């Protein structure tokens, strides 16, 4: 059964990455560690940036990151992405993160949002123009 987002996102957002939160990803309180969520957001953002750049990218900035709700072990975490800005060599990506409680709560929860900047790189790792 597909996950329904609780808050409609603009049409330019797309499901880019989905992963299950596992026990190994927890902090000492038993919640999913914020750094793990940040990592998943960076992966999701880079998937879109790589596709847009048609090649290698590197994360150069996290302009905004907001945790809205905690993520629990067993949640299915879905990252939706959209490009918000294209520069000469940079790509700014917005990421919305939702968690589906797999076992006891059929609702989908908005758990985080972020804005990240990636730069397109050439084969030597130097910035290059984004192909349009």
C-alpha atoms as a PDB file:
ATOM      1  CA  UNK A   1       0.000   0.000   0.000  1.00  0.00           C
ATOM      2  CA  UNK A   2       1.537   3.353  -1.009  1.00  0.00           C
ATOM      3  CA  UNK A   3       2.292   5.960   1.630  1.00  0.00           C
ATOM      4  CA  UNK A   4       0.060   9.009   1.566  1.00  0.00           C
ATOM      5  CA  UNK A   5       1.680  12.277   2.644  1.00  0.00           C
ATOM      6  CA  UNK A   6      -0.338  14.067   5.340  1.00  0.00           C
ATOM      7  CA  UNK A   7       0.443  17.505   3.933  1.00  0.00           C
ATOM      8  CA  UNK A   8       0.280  17.934   0.164  1.00  0.00           C
ATOM      9  CA  UNK A   9       3.613  19.023  -1.281  1.00  0.00           C
ATOM     10  CA  UNK A  10       3.993  21.050  -4.479  1.00  0.00           C
ATOM     11  CA  UNK A  11       4.028  18.869  -7.568  1.00  0.00           C
ATOM     12  CA  UNK A  12       7.755  19.435  -8.130  1.00  0.00           C
ATOM     13  CA  UNK A  13       8.564  17.231  -5.112  1.00  0.00           C
ATOM     14  CA  UNK A  14       9.249  13.591  -5.841  1.00  0.00           C
ATOM     15  CA  UNK A  15       9.848  10.521  -3.731  1.00  0.00           C
ATOM     16  CA  UNK A  16      13.604  10.100  -4.021  1.00  0.00           C
ATOM     17  CA  UNK A  17      14.632   7.777  -1.209  1.00  0.00           C
ATOM     18  CA  UNK A  18      12.954   5.411   1.243  1.00  0.00           C
ATOM     19  CA  UNK A  19      14.580   3.433   4.072  1.00  0.00           C
ATOM     20  CA  UNK A  20      13.550   1.600   7.246  1.00  0.00           C
ATOM     21  CA  UNK A  21      14.837   2.917  10.571  1.00  0.00           C
ATOM     22  CA  UNK A  22      16.644   0.078  12.352  1.00  0.00           C
ATOM     23  CA  UNK A  23      17.685  -0.548  15.985  1.00  0.00           C
ATOM     24  CA  UNK A  24      21.348   0.096  15.124  1.00  0.00           C
ATOM     25  CA  UNK A  25      20.382   3.681  14.190  1.00  0.00           C
ATOM     26  CA  UNK A  26      19.213   4.677  17.691  1.00  0.00           C
ATOM     27  CA  UNK A  27      20.583   7.081  20.249  1.00  0.00           C
ATOM     28  CA  UNK A  28      20.852   6.217  23.962  1.00  0.00           C
ATOM     29  CA  UNK A  29      17.158   7.096  24.480  1.00  0.00           C
ATOM     30  CA  UNK A  30      16.076   4.506  21.923  1.00  0.00           C
ATOM     31  CA  UNK A  31      14.966   7.053  19.321  1.00  0.00           C
ATOM     32  CA  UNK A  32      16.505   7.210  15.881  1.00  0.00           C
ATOM     33  CA  UNK A  33      19.672   9.319  16.045  1.00  0.00           C
ATOM     34  CA  UNK A  34      19.382  12.766  14.421  1.00  0.00           C
ATOM     35  CA  UNK A  35      22.682  12.243  12.612  1.00  0.00           C
ATOM     36  CA  UNK A  36      21.232   9.172  10.915  1.00  0.00           C
ATOM     37  CA  UNK A  37      18.284  11.223   9.662  1.00  0.00           C
ATOM     38  CA  UNK A  38      20.656  13.930   8.425  1.00  0.00           C
ATOM     39  CA  UNK A  39      22.620  11.286   6.535  1.00  0.00           C
ATOM     40  CA  UNK A  40      19.480   9.956   4.843  1.00  0.00           C
ATOM     41  CA  UNK A  41      18.497  13.511   3.877  1.00  0.00           C
ATOM     42  CA  UNK A  42      21.940  14.085   2.343  1.00  0.00           C
ATOM     43  CA  UNK A  43      21.660  10.844   0.364  1.00  0.00           C
ATOM     44  CA  UNK A  44      18.200  11.797  -0.915  1.00  0.00           C
ATOM     45  CA  UNK A  45      19.306  15.301  -1.849  1.00  0.00           C
ATOM     46  CA  UNK A  46      22.380  14.009  -3.633  1.00  0.00           C
ATOM     47  CA  UNK A  47      20.328  11.546  -5.711  1.00  0.00           C
ATOM     48  CA  UNK A  48      18.409  14.468  -7.194  1.00  0.00           C
ATOM     49  CA  UNK A  49      21.520  16.659  -7.508  1.00  0.00           C
ATOM     50  CA  UNK A  50      23.504  13.931  -9.313  1.00  0.00           C
ATOM     51  CA  UNK A  51      20.671  13.451 -11.771  1.00  0.00           C
ATOM     52  CA  UNK A  52      20.371  17.199 -12.392  1.00  0.00           C
ATOM     53  CA  UNK A  53      24.154  17.692 -12.684  1.00  0.00           C
ATOM     54  CA  UNK A  54      24.502  14.554 -14.812  1.00  0.00           C
ATOM     55  CA  UNK A  55      27.527  13.556 -12.819  1.00  0.00           C
ATOM     56  CA  UNK A  56      29.442  13.804  -9.596  1.00  0.00           C
ATOM     57  CA  UNK A  57      28.415  16.276  -6.876  1.00  0.00           C
ATOM     58  CA  UNK A  58      29.560  17.166  -3.377  1.00  0.00           C
ATOM     59  CA  UNK A  59      27.564  18.570  -0.488  1.00  0.00           C
ATOM     60  CA  UNK A  60      28.870  22.071   0.232  1.00  0.00           C
ATOM     61  CA  UNK A  61      26.276  23.436   2.656  1.00  0.00           C
ATOM     62  CA  UNK A  62      23.335  22.557   4.815  1.00  0.00           C
ATOM     63  CA  UNK A  63      21.478  25.873   4.768  1.00  0.00           C
ATOM     64  CA  UNK A  64      18.600  24.707   6.926  1.00  0.00           C
ATOM     65  CA  UNK A  65      17.684  21.587   8.870  1.00  0.00           C
ATOM     66  CA  UNK A  66      14.678  21.240  11.128  1.00  0.00           C
ATOM     67  CA  UNK A  67      13.613  18.221  13.146  1.00  0.00           C
ATOM     68  CA  UNK A  68       9.840  18.230  13.572  1.00  0.00           C
ATOM     69  CA  UNK A  69       9.050  14.872  15.210  1.00  0.00           C
ATOM     70  CA  UNK A  70      11.091  11.967  16.447  1.00  0.00           C
ATOM     71  CA  UNK A  71      11.622   8.896  14.300  1.00  0.00           C
ATOM     72  CA  UNK A  72      11.062   5.488  15.859  1.00  0.00           C
ATOM     73  CA  UNK A  73      12.630   2.103  15.244  1.00  0.00           C
ATOM     74  CA  UNK A  74      10.636   0.391  12.522  1.00  0.00           C
ATOM     75  CA  UNK A  75       9.454   3.596  10.861  1.00  0.00           C
ATOM     76  CA  UNK A  76       9.588   3.666   7.098  1.00  0.00           C
ATOM     77  CA  UNK A  77      11.313   6.969   6.332  1.00  0.00           C
ATOM     78  CA  UNK A  78      10.518   8.618   2.987  1.00  0.00           C
ATOM     79  CA  UNK A  79      12.443  11.592   1.595  1.00  0.00           C
ATOM     80  CA  UNK A  80      10.798  13.823  -0.997  1.00  0.00           C
ATOM     81  CA  UNK A  81      13.018  16.260  -2.882  1.00  0.00           C
ATOM     82  CA  UNK A  82      12.754  19.270  -5.162  1.00  0.00           C
ATOM     83  CA  UNK A  83      15.283  21.596  -6.731  1.00  0.00           C
ATOM     84  CA  UNK A  84      14.832  25.123  -5.423  1.00  0.00           C
ATOM     85  CA  UNK A  85      17.729  26.825  -7.226  1.00  0.00           C
ATOM     86  CA  UNK A  86      20.243  26.144  -9.969  1.00  0.00           C
ATOM     87  CA  UNK A  87      23.437  28.199  -9.934  1.00  0.00           C
ATOM     88  CA  UNK A  88      26.404  28.118 -12.287  1.00  0.00           C
ATOM     89  CA  UNK A  89      27.853  25.012 -10.608  1.00  0.00           C
ATOM     90  CA  UNK A  90      25.539  24.657  -7.607  1.00  0.00           C
ATOM     91  CA  UNK A  91      22.217  22.928  -7.048  1.00  0.00           C
ATOM     92  CA  UNK A  92      20.046  23.780  -4.046  1.00  0.00           C
ATOM     93  CA  UNK A  93      17.711  20.964  -2.993  1.00  0.00           C
ATOM     94  CA  UNK A  94      14.768  21.043  -0.580  1.00  0.00           C
ATOM     95  CA  UNK A  95      14.029  17.790   1.257  1.00  0.00           C
ATOM     96  CA  UNK A  96      10.835  16.879   3.145  1.00  0.00           C
ATOM     97  CA  UNK A  97      10.993  13.780   5.356  1.00  0.00           C
ATOM     98  CA  UNK A  98       8.023  11.651   6.415  1.00  0.00           C
ATOM     99  CA  UNK A  99       7.802   8.584   8.656  1.00  0.00           C
ATOM    100  CA  UNK A 100       5.210   5.859   8.416  1.00  0.00           C
ATOM    101  CA  UNK A 101       4.746   4.062  11.716  1.00  0.00           C
ATOM    102  CA  UNK A 102       4.777   0.461  10.589  1.00  0.00           C
ATOM    103  CA  UNK A 103       3.096  -1.262  13.481  1.00  0.00           C
ATOM    104  CA  UNK A 104       0.635   0.641  15.620  1.00  0.00           C
ATOM    105  CA  UNK A 105      -0.092   3.977  13.928  1.00  0.00           C
ATOM    106  CA  UNK A 106      -1.372   4.136  10.353  1.00  0.00           C
ATOM    107  CA  UNK A 107      -0.701   7.893  10.123  1.00  0.00           C
ATOM    108  CA  UNK A 108       2.235   9.349   8.254  1.00  0.00           C
ATOM    109  CA  UNK A 109       4.229  11.941  10.207  1.00  0.00           C
ATOM    110  CA  UNK A 110       6.267  14.824   8.821  1.00  0.00           C
ATOM    111  CA  UNK A 111       9.514  14.450  10.760  1.00  0.00           C
ATOM    112  CA  UNK A 112      12.101  16.775   9.195  1.00  0.00           C
ATOM    113  CA  UNK A 113      12.831  19.283   6.482  1.00  0.00           C
ATOM    114  CA  UNK A 114      16.070  20.590   5.073  1.00  0.00           C
ATOM    115  CA  UNK A 115      17.730  22.708   2.394  1.00  0.00           C
ATOM    116  CA  UNK A 116      21.110  21.525   1.098  1.00  0.00           C
ATOM    117  CA  UNK A 117      23.510  22.878  -1.511  1.00  0.00           C
ATOM    118  CA  UNK A 118      25.549  20.632  -3.793  1.00  0.00           C
ATOM    119  CA  UNK A 119      28.229  21.578  -6.299  1.00  0.00           C
ATOM    120  CA  UNK A 120      28.822  19.739  -9.570  1.00  0.00           C
ATOM    121  CA  UNK A 121      32.353  18.349  -9.848  1.00  0.00           C
ATOM    122  CA  UNK A 122      34.562  17.346 -12.748  1.00  0.00           C
ATOM    123  CA  UNK A 123      36.715  14.205 -12.810  1.00  0.00           C
ATOM    124  CA  UNK A 124      39.450  15.942 -10.791  1.00  0.00           C
ATOM    125  CA  UNK A 125      37.010  17.048  -8.099  1.00  0.00           C
ATOM    126  CA  UNK A 126      36.882  20.705  -9.178  1.00  0.00           C
ATOM    127  CA  UNK A 127      33.624  22.648  -9.564  1.00  0.00           C
ATOM    128  CA  UNK A 128      32.173  22.557 -13.046  1.00  0.00           C
ATOM    129  CA  UNK A 129      29.143  24.169 -14.670  1.00  0.00           C
ATOM    130  CA  UNK A 130      25.821  22.388 -14.351  1.00  0.00           C
ATOM    131  CA  UNK A 131      24.746  21.195 -17.788  1.00  0.00           C
ATOM    132  CA  UNK A 132      21.359  22.575 -18.773  1.00  0.00           C
END
